[in-house]
Amino acid sequence: SRPVSPPHRERSSSIVEKTSRAPGRSKDFGSFVEKATSTEGVKLSPGEIENYLSSRNRDVESLLVAFRMTLDKALVDEALEKAPNDPEVLLCALRISDKPEDRLKLIESLKQSDPDNGLGNCLAARALLDMGRDQEAIAELSQSAGKPIDSFLVKSCQSAEEAFLSAGYSPLESKTAALFGANSPELVRLAGPIWKKLETLRLGYESAGNSSDAQSLRDIQSRIG
């Protein structure tokens, strides 16, 4: 007689068990995902980072990957020495610059190196608003109209994925760690605070009967959400 196939439920359970495990560094992919999505995230060890940097001859892309994992100022300083006008390097440098004047200088360099990217104008607007230079900030936001905003998030994810692969993580682990480890704090700091400040200014214009400027700010608010 023909062999009897196992019940459908048992086959399904076996498939789930196999797919919950992925070749690479982790025995249980489910646990790996939990760590990747936690505040701790998945990061390379100092030794793995150094090996990755060496394998890439410490090129700018590898320095930025290592910097995003460690926030080590020395790494972004090295990247700035090698590519002082690279917009992605300048964006990373903003993460360790606290003085408004220094931030504005970096932002101006970013705008010049990537003039078609609205991110530079938006970053400048936020910095100017923080300094109380409201009209200049509004001008920057107006200049951002029609420009795409690129924070290089996709590129940074791809670079991080390569770094995890170099340390022995599986393709699935590497993609997962890179995806959930990606962040763009520059964008997080933009939309909400800018919108609130514009709302305050707009209400002031309306109270003063300045409907033209109030409408201009309303239009800008609608663009940034």
N, C-alpha and C. Protein backbone atom coordinates (compact mmCIF):
# COMPACT_ATOMS: atom_id res chain seq x y z
N SER A 1 0.84 -1.20 0.00
CA SER A 1 0.00 0.00 0.00
C SER A 1 0.87 1.24 0.00
N ARG A 2 0.28 2.37 -0.49
CA ARG A 2 1.05 3.60 -0.57
C ARG A 2 1.24 4.20 0.83
N PRO A 3 2.42 4.82 1.06
CA PRO A 3 2.63 5.46 2.37
C PRO A 3 1.65 6.59 2.57
N VAL A 4 1.21 6.70 3.80
CA VAL A 4 0.23 7.74 4.14
C VAL A 4 0.95 9.04 4.42
N SER A 5 0.50 10.12 3.78
CA SER A 5 1.12 11.42 4.02
C SER A 5 0.78 11.90 5.42
N PRO A 6 1.70 12.61 6.05
CA PRO A 6 1.42 13.12 7.39
C PRO A 6 0.28 14.12 7.34
N PRO A 7 -0.42 14.30 8.44
CA PRO A 7 -1.53 15.25 8.47
C PRO A 7 -1.05 16.64 8.06
N HIS A 8 -1.98 17.41 7.46
CA HIS A 8 -1.63 18.74 6.97
C HIS A 8 -1.11 19.63 8.11
N ARG A 9 -1.70 19.53 9.29
CA ARG A 9 -1.31 20.36 10.40
C ARG A 9 0.15 20.13 10.77
N GLU A 10 0.60 18.88 10.75
CA GLU A 10 1.98 18.57 11.11
C GLU A 10 2.95 19.13 10.07
N ARG A 11 2.59 19.03 8.77
CA ARG A 11 3.46 19.57 7.72
C ARG A 11 3.60 21.08 7.89
N SER A 12 2.49 21.75 8.19
CA SER A 12 2.52 23.20 8.35
C SER A 12 3.41 23.58 9.51
N SER A 13 3.32 22.83 10.63
CA SER A 13 4.15 23.12 11.79
C SER A 13 5.62 22.97 11.46
N SER A 14 5.95 21.96 10.66
CA SER A 14 7.35 21.73 10.29
C SER A 14 7.88 22.89 9.46
N ILE A 15 7.03 23.40 8.55
CA ILE A 15 7.45 24.52 7.71
C ILE A 15 7.71 25.76 8.57
N VAL A 16 6.81 26.01 9.52
CA VAL A 16 6.99 27.17 10.41
C VAL A 16 8.29 27.08 11.17
N GLU A 17 8.60 25.86 11.66
CA GLU A 17 9.82 25.68 12.42
C GLU A 17 11.04 25.97 11.56
N LYS A 18 11.02 25.51 10.29
CA LYS A 18 12.17 25.73 9.43
C LYS A 18 12.34 27.18 9.08
N THR A 19 11.23 27.89 8.80
CA THR A 19 11.34 29.30 8.40
C THR A 19 11.65 30.20 9.57
N SER A 20 11.44 29.70 10.81
CA SER A 20 11.76 30.54 11.96
C SER A 20 13.25 30.54 12.24
N ARG A 21 13.96 29.68 11.53
CA ARG A 21 15.40 29.62 11.70
C ARG A 21 16.08 30.04 10.40
N ALA A 22 17.09 30.86 10.53
CA ALA A 22 17.79 31.33 9.33
C ALA A 22 19.27 31.06 9.50
N PRO A 23 19.93 30.64 8.43
CA PRO A 23 21.37 30.40 8.55
C PRO A 23 22.10 31.71 8.83
N GLY A 24 23.16 31.63 9.56
CA GLY A 24 23.91 32.84 9.88
C GLY A 24 24.35 32.83 11.33
N ARG A 25 24.28 33.98 11.98
CA ARG A 25 24.76 34.10 13.34
C ARG A 25 23.74 33.66 14.39
N SER A 26 22.45 33.73 14.05
CA SER A 26 21.41 33.43 15.04
C SER A 26 20.85 32.04 14.84
N LYS A 27 20.53 31.37 15.95
CA LYS A 27 19.88 30.07 15.88
C LYS A 27 18.37 30.23 15.72
N ASP A 28 17.83 31.29 16.28
CA ASP A 28 16.39 31.54 16.24
C ASP A 28 16.16 32.91 15.62
N PHE A 29 15.66 32.93 14.39
CA PHE A 29 15.49 34.21 13.70
C PHE A 29 14.45 35.09 14.38
N GLY A 30 13.45 34.44 15.02
CA GLY A 30 12.44 35.22 15.74
C GLY A 30 13.07 36.06 16.84
N SER A 31 13.98 35.45 17.60
CA SER A 31 14.68 36.19 18.66
C SER A 31 15.57 37.27 18.09
N PHE A 32 16.16 36.98 16.93
CA PHE A 32 17.01 37.96 16.26
C PHE A 32 16.20 39.21 15.89
N VAL A 33 14.99 38.99 15.37
CA VAL A 33 14.13 40.11 15.00
C VAL A 33 13.76 40.93 16.23
N GLU A 34 13.47 40.24 17.34
CA GLU A 34 13.13 40.95 18.57
C GLU A 34 14.27 41.87 19.00
N LYS A 35 15.49 41.38 18.91
CA LYS A 35 16.63 42.22 19.28
C LYS A 35 16.81 43.36 18.29
N ALA A 36 16.63 43.07 17.00
CA ALA A 36 16.82 44.09 15.98
C ALA A 36 15.83 45.23 16.14
N THR A 37 14.63 44.91 16.61
CA THR A 37 13.59 45.93 16.75
C THR A 37 13.60 46.59 18.12
N SER A 38 14.48 46.14 19.01
CA SER A 38 14.56 46.74 20.34
C SER A 38 15.37 48.03 20.29
N THR A 39 15.37 48.77 21.39
CA THR A 39 16.15 50.01 21.44
C THR A 39 17.64 49.72 21.34
N GLU A 40 18.05 48.54 21.80
CA GLU A 40 19.46 48.15 21.72
C GLU A 40 19.88 47.89 20.28
N GLY A 41 19.03 47.20 19.53
CA GLY A 41 19.33 46.89 18.15
C GLY A 41 20.45 45.87 18.01
N VAL A 42 20.83 45.58 16.79
CA VAL A 42 21.94 44.67 16.49
C VAL A 42 23.09 45.51 15.96
N LYS A 43 24.23 45.39 16.58
CA LYS A 43 25.40 46.16 16.14
C LYS A 43 26.62 45.25 16.04
N LEU A 44 27.56 45.67 15.24
CA LEU A 44 28.81 44.93 15.14
C LEU A 44 29.67 45.24 16.35
N SER A 45 30.52 44.27 16.71
CA SER A 45 31.46 44.49 17.81
C SER A 45 32.58 45.41 17.33
N PRO A 46 33.33 46.00 18.26
CA PRO A 46 34.45 46.85 17.84
C PRO A 46 35.41 46.14 16.89
N GLY A 47 35.69 44.86 17.17
CA GLY A 47 36.59 44.11 16.29
C GLY A 47 36.01 43.92 14.90
N GLU A 48 34.71 43.63 14.85
CA GLU A 48 34.07 43.44 13.55
C GLU A 48 34.04 44.74 12.76
N ILE A 49 33.81 45.84 13.44
CA ILE A 49 33.82 47.14 12.78
C ILE A 49 35.19 47.44 12.20
N GLU A 50 36.23 47.15 12.98
CA GLU A 50 37.59 47.42 12.52
C GLU A 50 37.93 46.54 11.32
N ASN A 51 37.50 45.28 11.35
CA ASN A 51 37.73 44.39 10.22
C ASN A 51 37.02 44.89 8.96
N TYR A 52 35.80 45.37 9.16
CA TYR A 52 35.03 45.90 8.03
C TYR A 52 35.72 47.14 7.45
N LEU A 53 36.17 48.03 8.32
CA LEU A 53 36.86 49.23 7.85
C LEU A 53 38.12 48.86 7.07
N SER A 54 38.86 47.88 7.59
CA SER A 54 40.10 47.46 6.92
C SER A 54 39.80 46.85 5.56
N SER A 55 38.72 46.06 5.49
CA SER A 55 38.38 45.41 4.22
C SER A 55 37.98 46.42 3.16
N ARG A 56 37.54 47.59 3.62
CA ARG A 56 37.13 48.64 2.68
C ARG A 56 38.18 49.75 2.56
N ASN A 57 39.36 49.49 3.14
CA ASN A 57 40.43 50.49 3.14
C ASN A 57 39.99 51.83 3.74
N ARG A 58 39.08 51.71 4.71
CA ARG A 58 38.57 52.89 5.43
C ARG A 58 38.07 53.96 4.45
N ASP A 59 37.32 53.51 3.45
CA ASP A 59 36.75 54.49 2.52
C ASP A 59 35.62 55.25 3.22
N VAL A 60 35.15 56.29 2.56
CA VAL A 60 34.17 57.18 3.20
C VAL A 60 32.89 56.43 3.58
N GLU A 61 32.41 55.58 2.69
CA GLU A 61 31.17 54.85 2.96
C GLU A 61 31.30 53.98 4.20
N SER A 62 32.43 53.28 4.33
CA SER A 62 32.61 52.41 5.50
C SER A 62 32.75 53.23 6.78
N LEU A 63 33.40 54.38 6.69
CA LEU A 63 33.53 55.24 7.86
C LEU A 63 32.17 55.72 8.35
N LEU A 64 31.27 56.02 7.42
CA LEU A 64 29.94 56.47 7.81
C LEU A 64 29.12 55.34 8.43
N VAL A 65 29.26 54.13 7.89
CA VAL A 65 28.59 52.98 8.49
C VAL A 65 29.05 52.79 9.93
N ALA A 66 30.36 52.82 10.13
CA ALA A 66 30.91 52.64 11.47
C ALA A 66 30.48 53.78 12.40
N PHE A 67 30.44 54.99 11.87
CA PHE A 67 30.03 56.14 12.69
C PHE A 67 28.58 56.00 13.15
N ARG A 68 27.70 55.58 12.24
CA ARG A 68 26.29 55.46 12.61
C ARG A 68 26.08 54.40 13.68
N MET A 69 26.96 53.40 13.73
CA MET A 69 26.83 52.37 14.76
C MET A 69 27.43 52.79 16.09
N THR A 70 28.41 53.67 16.04
CA THR A 70 29.15 54.01 17.26
C THR A 70 29.02 55.46 17.70
N LEU A 71 28.70 56.35 16.76
CA LEU A 71 28.71 57.80 16.99
C LEU A 71 30.08 58.27 17.47
N ASP A 72 31.10 57.60 16.98
CA ASP A 72 32.48 57.97 17.31
C ASP A 72 32.89 59.17 16.45
N LYS A 73 33.12 60.31 17.10
CA LYS A 73 33.43 61.54 16.39
C LYS A 73 34.66 61.40 15.49
N ALA A 74 35.63 60.61 15.93
CA ALA A 74 36.86 60.45 15.15
C ALA A 74 36.57 59.90 13.76
N LEU A 75 35.55 59.05 13.66
CA LEU A 75 35.22 58.44 12.37
C LEU A 75 34.65 59.47 11.40
N VAL A 76 33.75 60.32 11.88
CA VAL A 76 33.19 61.33 10.98
C VAL A 76 34.22 62.41 10.67
N ASP A 77 35.12 62.68 11.61
CA ASP A 77 36.21 63.62 11.32
C ASP A 77 37.10 63.09 10.21
N GLU A 78 37.38 61.78 10.25
CA GLU A 78 38.19 61.16 9.20
C GLU A 78 37.47 61.22 7.86
N ALA A 79 36.15 61.00 7.88
CA ALA A 79 35.37 61.08 6.65
C ALA A 79 35.37 62.50 6.10
N LEU A 80 35.30 63.49 6.99
CA LEU A 80 35.33 64.89 6.55
C LEU A 80 36.66 65.25 5.91
N GLU A 81 37.73 64.68 6.42
CA GLU A 81 39.04 64.94 5.83
C GLU A 81 39.12 64.38 4.41
N LYS A 82 38.49 63.23 4.20
CA LYS A 82 38.56 62.58 2.90
C LYS A 82 37.54 63.14 1.91
N ALA A 83 36.40 63.58 2.42
CA ALA A 83 35.35 64.07 1.52
C ALA A 83 34.62 65.24 2.18
N PRO A 84 35.25 66.39 2.28
CA PRO A 84 34.66 67.52 3.01
C PRO A 84 33.39 68.08 2.38
N ASN A 85 33.15 67.78 1.11
CA ASN A 85 31.97 68.31 0.43
C ASN A 85 30.91 67.24 0.14
N ASP A 86 31.09 66.07 0.69
CA ASP A 86 30.12 65.00 0.49
C ASP A 86 28.90 65.29 1.36
N PRO A 87 27.69 65.43 0.77
CA PRO A 87 26.51 65.78 1.57
C PRO A 87 26.16 64.75 2.64
N GLU A 88 26.42 63.47 2.36
CA GLU A 88 26.13 62.44 3.36
C GLU A 88 27.08 62.55 4.55
N VAL A 89 28.32 62.88 4.28
CA VAL A 89 29.28 63.10 5.36
C VAL A 89 28.88 64.32 6.19
N LEU A 90 28.50 65.39 5.52
CA LEU A 90 28.09 66.60 6.22
C LEU A 90 26.85 66.35 7.08
N LEU A 91 25.94 65.54 6.58
CA LEU A 91 24.74 65.22 7.35
C LEU A 91 25.09 64.46 8.62
N CYS A 92 26.03 63.52 8.51
CA CYS A 92 26.48 62.78 9.69
C CYS A 92 27.18 63.72 10.68
N ALA A 93 27.96 64.65 10.15
CA ALA A 93 28.68 65.59 11.02
C ALA A 93 27.71 66.43 11.84
N LEU A 94 26.52 66.67 11.32
CA LEU A 94 25.52 67.45 12.06
C LEU A 94 25.09 66.75 13.34
N ARG A 95 25.22 65.43 13.38
CA ARG A 95 24.78 64.67 14.54
C ARG A 95 25.68 64.88 15.75
N ILE A 96 26.87 65.40 15.54
CA ILE A 96 27.78 65.63 16.67
C ILE A 96 28.10 67.11 16.83
N SER A 97 27.33 67.95 16.16
CA SER A 97 27.55 69.39 16.25
C SER A 97 26.38 70.02 16.99
N ASP A 98 26.66 70.66 18.12
CA ASP A 98 25.60 71.23 18.96
C ASP A 98 25.48 72.75 18.84
N LYS A 99 26.58 73.42 18.50
CA LYS A 99 26.53 74.88 18.43
C LYS A 99 25.77 75.32 17.18
N PRO A 100 24.78 76.22 17.35
CA PRO A 100 23.98 76.66 16.20
C PRO A 100 24.82 77.23 15.06
N GLU A 101 25.85 78.01 15.39
CA GLU A 101 26.67 78.61 14.33
C GLU A 101 27.42 77.54 13.53
N ASP A 102 27.95 76.54 14.27
CA ASP A 102 28.67 75.46 13.59
C ASP A 102 27.72 74.63 12.72
N ARG A 103 26.51 74.41 13.22
CA ARG A 103 25.53 73.65 12.46
C ARG A 103 25.16 74.38 11.18
N LEU A 104 24.99 75.69 11.28
CA LEU A 104 24.65 76.47 10.09
C LEU A 104 25.74 76.39 9.03
N LYS A 105 26.99 76.40 9.46
CA LYS A 105 28.10 76.29 8.50
C LYS A 105 28.06 74.95 7.78
N LEU A 106 27.82 73.88 8.54
CA LEU A 106 27.72 72.55 7.93
C LEU A 106 26.54 72.48 6.97
N ILE A 107 25.43 73.07 7.39
CA ILE A 107 24.22 73.04 6.55
C ILE A 107 24.43 73.82 5.26
N GLU A 108 25.09 74.96 5.36
CA GLU A 108 25.37 75.74 4.15
C GLU A 108 26.25 74.93 3.19
N SER A 109 27.22 74.23 3.74
CA SER A 109 28.07 73.38 2.89
C SER A 109 27.24 72.27 2.25
N LEU A 110 26.31 71.70 3.01
CA LEU A 110 25.44 70.65 2.49
C LEU A 110 24.57 71.19 1.35
N LYS A 111 24.02 72.38 1.55
CA LYS A 111 23.18 73.00 0.51
C LYS A 111 23.96 73.22 -0.78
N GLN A 112 25.19 73.66 -0.65
CA GLN A 112 26.01 73.93 -1.82
C GLN A 112 26.40 72.65 -2.54
N SER A 113 26.65 71.59 -1.77
CA SER A 113 27.09 70.33 -2.37
C SER A 113 25.93 69.53 -2.96
N ASP A 114 24.71 69.79 -2.48
CA ASP A 114 23.54 69.05 -2.95
C ASP A 114 22.36 70.02 -3.11
N PRO A 115 22.47 70.97 -4.05
CA PRO A 115 21.49 72.06 -4.14
C PRO A 115 20.08 71.62 -4.51
N ASP A 116 19.93 70.45 -5.13
CA ASP A 116 18.60 69.99 -5.54
C ASP A 116 17.90 69.18 -4.46
N ASN A 117 18.53 69.06 -3.31
CA ASN A 117 17.96 68.31 -2.19
C ASN A 117 17.35 69.29 -1.20
N GLY A 118 16.03 69.19 -1.00
CA GLY A 118 15.35 70.11 -0.09
C GLY A 118 15.72 69.93 1.36
N LEU A 119 16.43 68.84 1.69
CA LEU A 119 16.81 68.60 3.07
C LEU A 119 17.66 69.74 3.62
N GLY A 120 18.60 70.25 2.82
CA GLY A 120 19.46 71.33 3.29
C GLY A 120 18.67 72.56 3.67
N ASN A 121 17.68 72.93 2.85
CA ASN A 121 16.86 74.09 3.16
C ASN A 121 16.04 73.88 4.44
N CYS A 122 15.50 72.66 4.60
CA CYS A 122 14.71 72.37 5.79
C CYS A 122 15.57 72.38 7.05
N LEU A 123 16.77 71.82 6.95
CA LEU A 123 17.69 71.84 8.09
C LEU A 123 18.07 73.27 8.44
N ALA A 124 18.32 74.08 7.42
CA ALA A 124 18.67 75.49 7.65
C ALA A 124 17.51 76.21 8.32
N ALA A 125 16.29 75.92 7.86
CA ALA A 125 15.12 76.57 8.46
C ALA A 125 15.00 76.23 9.94
N ARG A 126 15.20 74.96 10.27
CA ARG A 126 15.10 74.57 11.69
C ARG A 126 16.17 75.28 12.51
N ALA A 127 17.40 75.32 12.01
CA ALA A 127 18.48 75.97 12.74
C ALA A 127 18.20 77.46 12.91
N LEU A 128 17.70 78.11 11.88
CA LEU A 128 17.41 79.54 11.95
C LEU A 128 16.25 79.82 12.90
N LEU A 129 15.24 78.96 12.90
CA LEU A 129 14.13 79.13 13.85
C LEU A 129 14.62 79.01 15.29
N ASP A 130 15.54 78.08 15.53
CA ASP A 130 16.10 77.92 16.87
C ASP A 130 16.87 79.16 17.31
N MET A 131 17.39 79.90 16.33
CA MET A 131 18.17 81.10 16.63
C MET A 131 17.30 82.37 16.60
N GLY A 132 16.00 82.18 16.38
CA GLY A 132 15.11 83.33 16.37
C GLY A 132 15.12 84.12 15.07
N ARG A 133 15.69 83.58 14.04
CA ARG A 133 15.77 84.27 12.74
C ARG A 133 14.64 83.75 11.85
N ASP A 134 13.42 84.15 12.23
CA ASP A 134 12.22 83.57 11.64
C ASP A 134 12.08 83.85 10.15
N GLN A 135 12.31 85.07 9.73
CA GLN A 135 12.10 85.42 8.33
C GLN A 135 13.08 84.68 7.42
N GLU A 136 14.31 84.53 7.87
CA GLU A 136 15.28 83.77 7.09
C GLU A 136 14.86 82.30 6.99
N ALA A 137 14.30 81.80 8.09
CA ALA A 137 13.83 80.41 8.09
C ALA A 137 12.70 80.22 7.10
N ILE A 138 11.77 81.16 7.07
CA ILE A 138 10.65 81.08 6.13
C ILE A 138 11.16 81.11 4.69
N ALA A 139 12.17 81.94 4.44
CA ALA A 139 12.75 82.00 3.10
C ALA A 139 13.36 80.66 2.70
N GLU A 140 14.02 80.00 3.65
CA GLU A 140 14.61 78.69 3.36
C GLU A 140 13.53 77.67 3.02
N LEU A 141 12.43 77.70 3.77
CA LEU A 141 11.35 76.76 3.51
C LEU A 141 10.71 77.02 2.14
N SER A 142 10.61 78.29 1.78
CA SER A 142 10.07 78.62 0.47
C SER A 142 10.98 78.09 -0.64
N GLN A 143 12.30 78.15 -0.41
CA GLN A 143 13.25 77.66 -1.41
C GLN A 143 13.21 76.14 -1.55
N SER A 144 12.70 75.48 -0.50
CA SER A 144 12.65 74.01 -0.56
C SER A 144 11.49 73.50 -1.39
N ALA A 145 10.57 74.40 -1.75
CA ALA A 145 9.39 73.99 -2.52
C ALA A 145 9.79 73.32 -3.83
N GLY A 146 9.20 72.17 -4.09
CA GLY A 146 9.46 71.45 -5.34
C GLY A 146 10.69 70.58 -5.33
N LYS A 147 11.46 70.63 -4.25
CA LYS A 147 12.66 69.79 -4.16
C LYS A 147 12.36 68.51 -3.39
N PRO A 148 12.85 67.38 -3.86
CA PRO A 148 12.73 66.15 -3.05
C PRO A 148 13.60 66.27 -1.81
N ILE A 149 13.22 65.54 -0.76
CA ILE A 149 14.00 65.53 0.47
C ILE A 149 14.62 64.16 0.63
N ASP A 150 15.93 64.11 0.53
CA ASP A 150 16.66 62.85 0.60
C ASP A 150 17.61 62.88 1.79
N SER A 151 17.36 62.01 2.77
CA SER A 151 18.25 61.93 3.93
C SER A 151 19.25 60.79 3.78
N PHE A 152 19.34 60.21 2.59
CA PHE A 152 20.28 59.13 2.27
C PHE A 152 20.01 57.87 3.09
N LEU A 153 18.76 57.71 3.51
CA LEU A 153 18.40 56.58 4.36
C LEU A 153 18.54 55.25 3.61
N VAL A 154 18.09 55.21 2.36
CA VAL A 154 18.17 53.97 1.58
C VAL A 154 19.63 53.56 1.38
N LYS A 155 20.45 54.53 1.02
CA LYS A 155 21.87 54.24 0.79
C LYS A 155 22.54 53.76 2.07
N SER A 156 22.21 54.40 3.20
CA SER A 156 22.85 54.00 4.46
C SER A 156 22.42 52.60 4.87
N CYS A 157 21.17 52.22 4.57
CA CYS A 157 20.70 50.86 4.86
C CYS A 157 21.48 49.84 4.04
N GLN A 158 21.68 50.13 2.77
CA GLN A 158 22.42 49.21 1.91
C GLN A 158 23.86 49.04 2.37
N SER A 159 24.47 50.14 2.81
CA SER A 159 25.85 50.07 3.29
C SER A 159 25.94 49.27 4.58
N ALA A 160 24.98 49.48 5.48
CA ALA A 160 24.98 48.74 6.74
C ALA A 160 24.77 47.25 6.49
N GLU A 161 23.91 46.93 5.53
CA GLU A 161 23.67 45.52 5.19
C GLU A 161 24.97 44.85 4.75
N GLU A 162 25.77 45.53 3.96
CA GLU A 162 27.05 44.98 3.52
C GLU A 162 27.99 44.75 4.71
N ALA A 163 27.93 45.66 5.68
CA ALA A 163 28.79 45.52 6.85
C ALA A 163 28.41 44.28 7.66
N PHE A 164 27.11 44.05 7.83
CA PHE A 164 26.67 42.87 8.57
C PHE A 164 27.03 41.59 7.81
N LEU A 165 26.91 41.61 6.50
CA LEU A 165 27.29 40.45 5.70
C LEU A 165 28.77 40.13 5.89
N SER A 166 29.59 41.17 5.96
CA SER A 166 31.03 40.96 6.12
C SER A 166 31.39 40.33 7.45
N ALA A 167 30.48 40.48 8.44
CA ALA A 167 30.75 39.91 9.77
C ALA A 167 30.14 38.52 9.93
N GLY A 168 29.61 37.95 8.86
CA GLY A 168 29.10 36.58 8.92
C GLY A 168 27.62 36.45 9.15
N TYR A 169 26.89 37.54 9.17
CA TYR A 169 25.44 37.45 9.29
C TYR A 169 24.87 36.98 7.94
N SER A 170 23.75 36.28 7.99
CA SER A 170 23.12 35.81 6.76
C SER A 170 22.52 37.00 6.02
N PRO A 171 22.20 36.82 4.73
CA PRO A 171 21.55 37.92 3.99
C PRO A 171 20.27 38.41 4.66
N LEU A 172 19.46 37.47 5.17
CA LEU A 172 18.22 37.87 5.83
C LEU A 172 18.50 38.62 7.13
N GLU A 173 19.45 38.11 7.92
CA GLU A 173 19.82 38.79 9.16
C GLU A 173 20.38 40.18 8.87
N SER A 174 21.23 40.26 7.86
CA SER A 174 21.87 41.54 7.52
C SER A 174 20.85 42.57 7.09
N LYS A 175 19.92 42.15 6.25
CA LYS A 175 18.89 43.08 5.77
C LYS A 175 18.00 43.53 6.93
N THR A 176 17.66 42.60 7.81
CA THR A 176 16.80 42.92 8.95
C THR A 176 17.50 43.90 9.90
N ALA A 177 18.75 43.59 10.24
CA ALA A 177 19.49 44.45 11.16
C ALA A 177 19.69 45.84 10.59
N ALA A 178 19.97 45.91 9.30
CA ALA A 178 20.19 47.21 8.65
C ALA A 178 18.90 48.02 8.59
N LEU A 179 17.81 47.33 8.28
CA LEU A 179 16.52 48.02 8.14
C LEU A 179 16.05 48.61 9.46
N PHE A 180 16.07 47.78 10.51
CA PHE A 180 15.57 48.25 11.80
C PHE A 180 16.58 49.14 12.52
N GLY A 181 17.85 49.03 12.12
CA GLY A 181 18.86 49.89 12.74
C GLY A 181 18.96 51.25 12.08
N ALA A 182 18.30 51.39 10.93
CA ALA A 182 18.37 52.67 10.21
C ALA A 182 17.55 53.71 10.94
N ASN A 183 18.07 54.90 10.96
CA ASN A 183 17.34 56.02 11.54
C ASN A 183 17.77 57.31 10.88
N SER A 184 16.91 58.26 10.98
CA SER A 184 17.22 59.56 10.39
C SER A 184 16.84 60.64 11.39
N PRO A 185 17.65 60.82 12.43
CA PRO A 185 17.29 61.80 13.46
C PRO A 185 17.16 63.21 12.92
N GLU A 186 17.85 63.49 11.81
CA GLU A 186 17.75 64.83 11.24
C GLU A 186 16.31 65.11 10.82
N LEU A 187 15.65 64.11 10.23
CA LEU A 187 14.27 64.31 9.81
C LEU A 187 13.32 64.33 10.99
N VAL A 188 13.59 63.50 12.01
CA VAL A 188 12.75 63.47 13.20
C VAL A 188 12.69 64.84 13.86
N ARG A 189 13.82 65.56 13.83
CA ARG A 189 13.88 66.86 14.48
C ARG A 189 13.29 67.98 13.63
N LEU A 190 12.84 67.66 12.42
CA LEU A 190 12.42 68.72 11.51
C LEU A 190 10.94 69.04 11.56
N ALA A 191 10.11 68.15 11.05
CA ALA A 191 8.73 68.48 10.71
C ALA A 191 7.92 69.05 11.88
N GLY A 192 7.89 68.31 13.01
CA GLY A 192 7.07 68.74 14.14
C GLY A 192 7.41 70.12 14.66
N PRO A 193 8.67 70.35 15.07
CA PRO A 193 9.04 71.67 15.60
C PRO A 193 8.86 72.81 14.60
N ILE A 194 9.17 72.55 13.32
CA ILE A 194 9.01 73.59 12.31
C ILE A 194 7.53 73.94 12.15
N TRP A 195 6.68 72.93 12.08
CA TRP A 195 5.25 73.16 11.88
C TRP A 195 4.69 73.97 13.05
N LYS A 196 5.07 73.62 14.28
CA LYS A 196 4.56 74.34 15.46
C LYS A 196 5.01 75.80 15.45
N LYS A 197 6.26 76.04 15.10
CA LYS A 197 6.76 77.41 15.05
C LYS A 197 6.04 78.21 13.97
N LEU A 198 5.83 77.60 12.82
CA LEU A 198 5.11 78.28 11.75
C LEU A 198 3.67 78.59 12.16
N GLU A 199 3.07 77.68 12.91
CA GLU A 199 1.71 77.90 13.38
C GLU A 199 1.64 79.12 14.29
N THR A 200 2.63 79.25 15.18
CA THR A 200 2.68 80.42 16.06
C THR A 200 2.82 81.70 15.25
N LEU A 201 3.71 81.68 14.27
CA LEU A 201 3.91 82.86 13.42
C LEU A 201 2.66 83.17 12.61
N ARG A 202 2.02 82.14 12.09
CA ARG A 202 0.83 82.35 11.26
C ARG A 202 -0.30 82.98 12.07
N LEU A 203 -0.50 82.48 13.28
CA LEU A 203 -1.55 83.04 14.14
C LEU A 203 -1.26 84.50 14.47
N GLY A 204 0.04 84.81 14.62
CA GLY A 204 0.43 86.19 14.87
C GLY A 204 0.11 87.09 13.69
N TYR A 205 0.38 86.59 12.49
CA TYR A 205 0.07 87.36 11.28
C TYR A 205 -1.45 87.57 11.16
N GLU A 206 -2.21 86.52 11.45
CA GLU A 206 -3.66 86.64 11.34
C GLU A 206 -4.21 87.64 12.35
N SER A 207 -3.67 87.61 13.56
CA SER A 207 -4.11 88.55 14.59
C SER A 207 -3.82 89.99 14.19
N ALA A 208 -2.70 90.16 13.45
CA ALA A 208 -2.31 91.50 13.01
C ALA A 208 -2.99 91.89 11.70
N GLY A 209 -3.85 91.02 11.16
CA GLY A 209 -4.54 91.33 9.92
C GLY A 209 -3.70 91.15 8.67
N ASN A 210 -2.56 90.46 8.80
CA ASN A 210 -1.66 90.24 7.66
C ASN A 210 -2.03 88.92 7.00
N SER A 211 -3.10 88.95 6.20
CA SER A 211 -3.62 87.72 5.62
C SER A 211 -2.70 87.14 4.56
N SER A 212 -1.96 87.99 3.85
CA SER A 212 -1.08 87.50 2.79
C SER A 212 0.04 86.63 3.35
N ASP A 213 0.75 87.14 4.36
CA ASP A 213 1.83 86.36 4.96
C ASP A 213 1.28 85.13 5.68
N ALA A 214 0.09 85.26 6.28
CA ALA A 214 -0.52 84.12 6.96
C ALA A 214 -0.81 83.00 5.97
N GLN A 215 -1.30 83.36 4.78
CA GLN A 215 -1.59 82.35 3.76
C GLN A 215 -0.31 81.71 3.26
N SER A 216 0.77 82.49 3.13
CA SER A 216 2.05 81.95 2.69
C SER A 216 2.54 80.88 3.66
N LEU A 217 2.41 81.16 4.96
CA LEU A 217 2.83 80.18 5.97
C LEU A 217 1.92 78.96 5.95
N ARG A 218 0.62 79.17 5.70
CA ARG A 218 -0.29 78.03 5.62
C ARG A 218 0.11 77.11 4.46
N ASP A 219 0.52 77.71 3.36
CA ASP A 219 0.93 76.91 2.21
C ASP A 219 2.18 76.09 2.55
N ILE A 220 3.13 76.72 3.27
CA ILE A 220 4.35 76.00 3.65
C ILE A 220 4.02 74.86 4.60
N GLN A 221 3.09 75.13 5.56
CA GLN A 221 2.70 74.09 6.52
C GLN A 221 2.08 72.88 5.81
N SER A 222 1.30 73.16 4.78
CA SER A 222 0.65 72.05 4.07
C SER A 222 1.68 71.19 3.35
N ARG A 223 2.80 71.77 2.94
CA ARG A 223 3.84 71.01 2.25
C ARG A 223 4.61 70.10 3.19
N ILE A 224 4.85 70.60 4.42
CA ILE A 224 5.67 69.80 5.34
C ILE A 224 4.82 68.90 6.23
N GLY A 225 3.50 69.00 6.09
CA GLY A 225 2.60 68.12 6.85
C GLY A 225 2.41 68.58 8.26
